[in-house]
Amino acid sequence: MKKKKVKKAVKKPVKKVKKKTAVKKPAAKTKKKKAASIPLDASLEEVGVITHYFPKVDAAVVKLTKAGLSIGDKIVIKGHTSDFKEKVGSIQLDHEPIQNAEKGMEIGLKVKAKVREHDVVYKIVS
């Protein structure tokens, strides 16, 4: 009888696996709100106060307490968390578009950002 040769198990070198270190992703960049840039020679005239905001249509109700407002006027809206400027593009009174609004009226005003009750509306006077 022939003896069977038994192969011995050959030890292979064990590869060391490097641990993957968690790669930190940079935090999501948040846009900081810039303060409204107003020309140095311009002044602000208080016009009125925001009394309500409609988020679905981005419109605000403004009670004109100190002055009037017209389409094309440049305004600044300032409040606790609001601070932006824009050009008046749309004014409504009782759901009807108007060109000029006078002191004492309560108007609807299209705005580009969220506003809150008691935010103050200023007109930029050059």
C-alpha atoms as a PDB file:
ATOM      1  CA  MET A   1       0.000   0.000   0.000  1.00  0.00           C
ATOM      2  CA  LYS A   2       1.081   3.404  -0.887  1.00  0.00           C
ATOM      3  CA  LYS A   3       0.940   6.108   1.692  1.00  0.00           C
ATOM      4  CA  LYS A   4      -0.963   9.181   0.712  1.00  0.00           C
ATOM      5  CA  LYS A   5       0.906  12.366   1.043  1.00  0.00           C
ATOM      6  CA  VAL A   6      -0.880  14.797   3.230  1.00  0.00           C
ATOM      7  CA  LYS A   7      -0.401  18.376   2.315  1.00  0.00           C
ATOM      8  CA  LYS A   8       0.289  20.597   5.200  1.00  0.00           C
ATOM      9  CA  ALA A   9      -1.662  23.794   5.394  1.00  0.00           C
ATOM     10  CA  VAL A  10       0.488  26.658   4.375  1.00  0.00           C
ATOM     11  CA  LYS A  11       0.028  29.766   6.449  1.00  0.00           C
ATOM     12  CA  LYS A  12      -0.425  32.766   4.264  1.00  0.00           C
ATOM     13  CA  PRO A  13       0.467  36.147   5.660  1.00  0.00           C
ATOM     14  CA  VAL A  14      -2.621  37.962   6.926  1.00  0.00           C
ATOM     15  CA  LYS A  15      -3.223  41.298   5.327  1.00  0.00           C
ATOM     16  CA  LYS A  16      -3.905  44.018   7.797  1.00  0.00           C
ATOM     17  CA  VAL A  17      -7.071  45.905   6.984  1.00  0.00           C
ATOM     18  CA  LYS A  18      -6.891  49.583   7.695  1.00  0.00           C
ATOM     19  CA  LYS A  19      -9.832  50.966   9.552  1.00  0.00           C
ATOM     20  CA  LYS A  20     -11.680  53.548   7.599  1.00  0.00           C
ATOM     21  CA  THR A  21     -11.876  56.779   9.477  1.00  0.00           C
ATOM     22  CA  ALA A  22     -15.072  58.724   9.202  1.00  0.00           C
ATOM     23  CA  VAL A  23     -14.651  61.550   6.760  1.00  0.00           C
ATOM     24  CA  LYS A  24     -16.245  64.674   8.095  1.00  0.00           C
ATOM     25  CA  LYS A  25     -18.282  66.426   5.497  1.00  0.00           C
ATOM     26  CA  PRO A  26     -18.251  70.175   5.669  1.00  0.00           C
ATOM     27  CA  ALA A  27     -21.337  71.600   7.328  1.00  0.00           C
ATOM     28  CA  ALA A  28     -24.001  72.769   4.945  1.00  0.00           C
ATOM     29  CA  LYS A  29     -23.436  76.377   4.110  1.00  0.00           C
ATOM     30  CA  THR A  30     -26.261  78.575   5.211  1.00  0.00           C
ATOM     31  CA  LYS A  31     -26.872  81.840   3.520  1.00  0.00           C
ATOM     32  CA  LYS A  32     -26.539  84.730   5.854  1.00  0.00           C
ATOM     33  CA  LYS A  33     -29.015  87.472   5.331  1.00  0.00           C
ATOM     34  CA  LYS A  34     -27.322  90.614   4.247  1.00  0.00           C
ATOM     35  CA  ALA A  35     -28.479  93.846   5.725  1.00  0.00           C
ATOM     36  CA  ALA A  36     -30.290  95.999   3.224  1.00  0.00           C
ATOM     37  CA  SER A  37     -27.736  98.146   1.451  1.00  0.00           C
ATOM     38  CA  ILE A  38     -29.055 101.671   1.307  1.00  0.00           C
ATOM     39  CA  PRO A  39     -27.238 104.506  -0.449  1.00  0.00           C
ATOM     40  CA  LEU A  40     -25.369 106.767   1.970  1.00  0.00           C
ATOM     41  CA  ASP A  41     -27.121 109.915   0.784  1.00  0.00           C
ATOM     42  CA  ALA A  42     -30.607 108.371   1.171  1.00  0.00           C
ATOM     43  CA  SER A  43     -32.802 108.534   4.240  1.00  0.00           C
ATOM     44  CA  LEU A  44     -35.615 106.339   5.494  1.00  0.00           C
ATOM     45  CA  GLU A  45     -39.144 107.641   5.966  1.00  0.00           C
ATOM     46  CA  GLU A  46     -41.480 105.442   8.006  1.00  0.00           C
ATOM     47  CA  VAL A  47     -44.561 104.541   6.002  1.00  0.00           C
ATOM     48  CA  GLY A  48     -46.483 101.952   7.976  1.00  0.00           C
ATOM     49  CA  VAL A  49     -46.634  98.668   9.862  1.00  0.00           C
ATOM     50  CA  ILE A  50     -47.271  95.058   8.790  1.00  0.00           C
ATOM     51  CA  THR A  51     -50.514  93.773  10.300  1.00  0.00           C
ATOM     52  CA  HIS A  52     -50.764  90.361   8.608  1.00  0.00           C
ATOM     53  CA  TYR A  53     -48.819  88.040   6.263  1.00  0.00           C
ATOM     54  CA  PHE A  54     -50.170  85.506   3.758  1.00  0.00           C
ATOM     55  CA  PRO A  55     -47.388  82.952   3.100  1.00  0.00           C
ATOM     56  CA  LYS A  56     -49.020  81.112   0.171  1.00  0.00           C
ATOM     57  CA  VAL A  57     -49.162  84.239  -1.964  1.00  0.00           C
ATOM     58  CA  ASP A  58     -46.227  86.120  -0.339  1.00  0.00           C
ATOM     59  CA  ALA A  59     -48.369  89.141   0.423  1.00  0.00           C
ATOM     60  CA  ALA A  60     -48.565  91.378   3.475  1.00  0.00           C
ATOM     61  CA  VAL A  61     -51.243  93.667   4.821  1.00  0.00           C
ATOM     62  CA  VAL A  62     -49.730  97.080   5.574  1.00  0.00           C
ATOM     63  CA  LYS A  63     -51.426  99.777   7.641  1.00  0.00           C
ATOM     64  CA  LEU A  64     -50.128 103.081   6.253  1.00  0.00           C
ATOM     65  CA  THR A  65     -49.736 105.203   9.378  1.00  0.00           C
ATOM     66  CA  LYS A  66     -47.341 108.003   8.453  1.00  0.00           C
ATOM     67  CA  ALA A  67     -47.131 108.425   4.662  1.00  0.00           C
ATOM     68  CA  GLY A  68     -48.367 107.141   1.304  1.00  0.00           C
ATOM     69  CA  LEU A  69     -46.868 104.581  -1.040  1.00  0.00           C
ATOM     70  CA  SER A  70     -46.764 104.206  -4.831  1.00  0.00           C
ATOM     71  CA  ILE A  71     -45.797 101.481  -7.286  1.00  0.00           C
ATOM     72  CA  GLY A  72     -42.094 101.843  -8.073  1.00  0.00           C
ATOM     73  CA  ASP A  73     -41.124 103.172  -4.632  1.00  0.00           C
ATOM     74  CA  LYS A  74     -38.164 101.497  -2.982  1.00  0.00           C
ATOM     75  CA  ILE A  75     -38.955 100.249   0.509  1.00  0.00           C
ATOM     76  CA  VAL A  76     -37.157  98.594   3.409  1.00  0.00           C
ATOM     77  CA  ILE A  77     -38.951  96.216   5.759  1.00  0.00           C
ATOM     78  CA  LYS A  78     -37.333  95.856   9.170  1.00  0.00           C
ATOM     79  CA  GLY A  79     -38.365  93.785  12.125  1.00  0.00           C
ATOM     80  CA  HIS A  80     -37.060  91.381  14.716  1.00  0.00           C
ATOM     81  CA  THR A  81     -35.953  88.859  12.075  1.00  0.00           C
ATOM     82  CA  SER A  82     -36.749  90.718   8.845  1.00  0.00           C
ATOM     83  CA  ASP A  83     -34.425  93.173   7.145  1.00  0.00           C
ATOM     84  CA  PHE A  84     -34.619  93.507   3.381  1.00  0.00           C
ATOM     85  CA  LYS A  85     -35.280  96.056   0.679  1.00  0.00           C
ATOM     86  CA  GLU A  86     -37.349  95.784  -2.456  1.00  0.00           C
ATOM     87  CA  LYS A  87     -39.168  97.773  -5.089  1.00  0.00           C
ATOM     88  CA  VAL A  88     -42.948  98.002  -4.764  1.00  0.00           C
ATOM     89  CA  GLY A  89     -44.411  96.043  -7.660  1.00  0.00           C
ATOM     90  CA  SER A  90     -48.012  95.456  -6.655  1.00  0.00           C
ATOM     91  CA  ILE A  91     -50.442  97.231  -4.337  1.00  0.00           C
ATOM     92  CA  GLN A  92     -54.050  96.160  -3.761  1.00  0.00           C
ATOM     93  CA  LEU A  93     -56.983  97.711  -1.961  1.00  0.00           C
ATOM     94  CA  ASP A  94     -60.017  95.448  -1.494  1.00  0.00           C
ATOM     95  CA  HIS A  95     -58.558  92.965  -4.031  1.00  0.00           C
ATOM     96  CA  GLU A  96     -58.317  95.672  -6.705  1.00  0.00           C
ATOM     97  CA  PRO A  97     -54.903  96.814  -7.980  1.00  0.00           C
ATOM     98  CA  ILE A  98     -54.124 100.482  -7.347  1.00  0.00           C
ATOM     99  CA  GLN A  99     -51.207 102.753  -8.284  1.00  0.00           C
ATOM    100  CA  ASN A 100     -51.029 104.967  -5.169  1.00  0.00           C
ATOM    101  CA  ALA A 101     -51.984 104.422  -1.547  1.00  0.00           C
ATOM    102  CA  GLU A 102     -52.498 107.234   0.931  1.00  0.00           C
ATOM    103  CA  LYS A 103     -51.961 107.584   4.665  1.00  0.00           C
ATOM    104  CA  GLY A 104     -54.665 105.771   6.665  1.00  0.00           C
ATOM    105  CA  MET A 105     -55.287 102.990   4.097  1.00  0.00           C
ATOM    106  CA  GLU A 106     -54.822  99.310   4.822  1.00  0.00           C
ATOM    107  CA  ILE A 107     -53.347  97.782   1.660  1.00  0.00           C
ATOM    108  CA  GLY A 108     -52.113  94.458   0.343  1.00  0.00           C
ATOM    109  CA  LEU A 109     -48.467  94.495  -0.694  1.00  0.00           C
ATOM    110  CA  LYS A 110     -46.573  91.783  -2.585  1.00  0.00           C
ATOM    111  CA  VAL A 111     -43.305  90.972  -0.732  1.00  0.00           C
ATOM    112  CA  LYS A 112     -40.322  88.800  -1.645  1.00  0.00           C
ATOM    113  CA  ALA A 113     -39.635  87.334   1.813  1.00  0.00           C
ATOM    114  CA  LYS A 114     -41.504  86.340   4.938  1.00  0.00           C
ATOM    115  CA  VAL A 115     -42.543  89.229   7.146  1.00  0.00           C
ATOM    116  CA  ARG A 116     -44.174  89.298  10.544  1.00  0.00           C
ATOM    117  CA  GLU A 117     -46.737  91.402  12.341  1.00  0.00           C
ATOM    118  CA  HIS A 118     -45.306  94.652  13.729  1.00  0.00           C
ATOM    119  CA  ASP A 119     -42.466  94.806  11.158  1.00  0.00           C
ATOM    120  CA  VAL A 120     -42.001  98.411  10.078  1.00  0.00           C
ATOM    121  CA  VAL A 121     -42.104  99.532   6.447  1.00  0.00           C
ATOM    122  CA  TYR A 122     -39.827 102.428   5.450  1.00  0.00           C
ATOM    123  CA  LYS A 123     -39.620 104.282   2.128  1.00  0.00           C
ATOM    124  CA  ILE A 124     -36.141 105.099   0.813  1.00  0.00           C
ATOM    125  CA  VAL A 125     -36.053 108.833   0.095  1.00  0.00           C
ATOM    126  CA  SER A 126     -33.119 109.932  -2.067  1.00  0.00           C
END
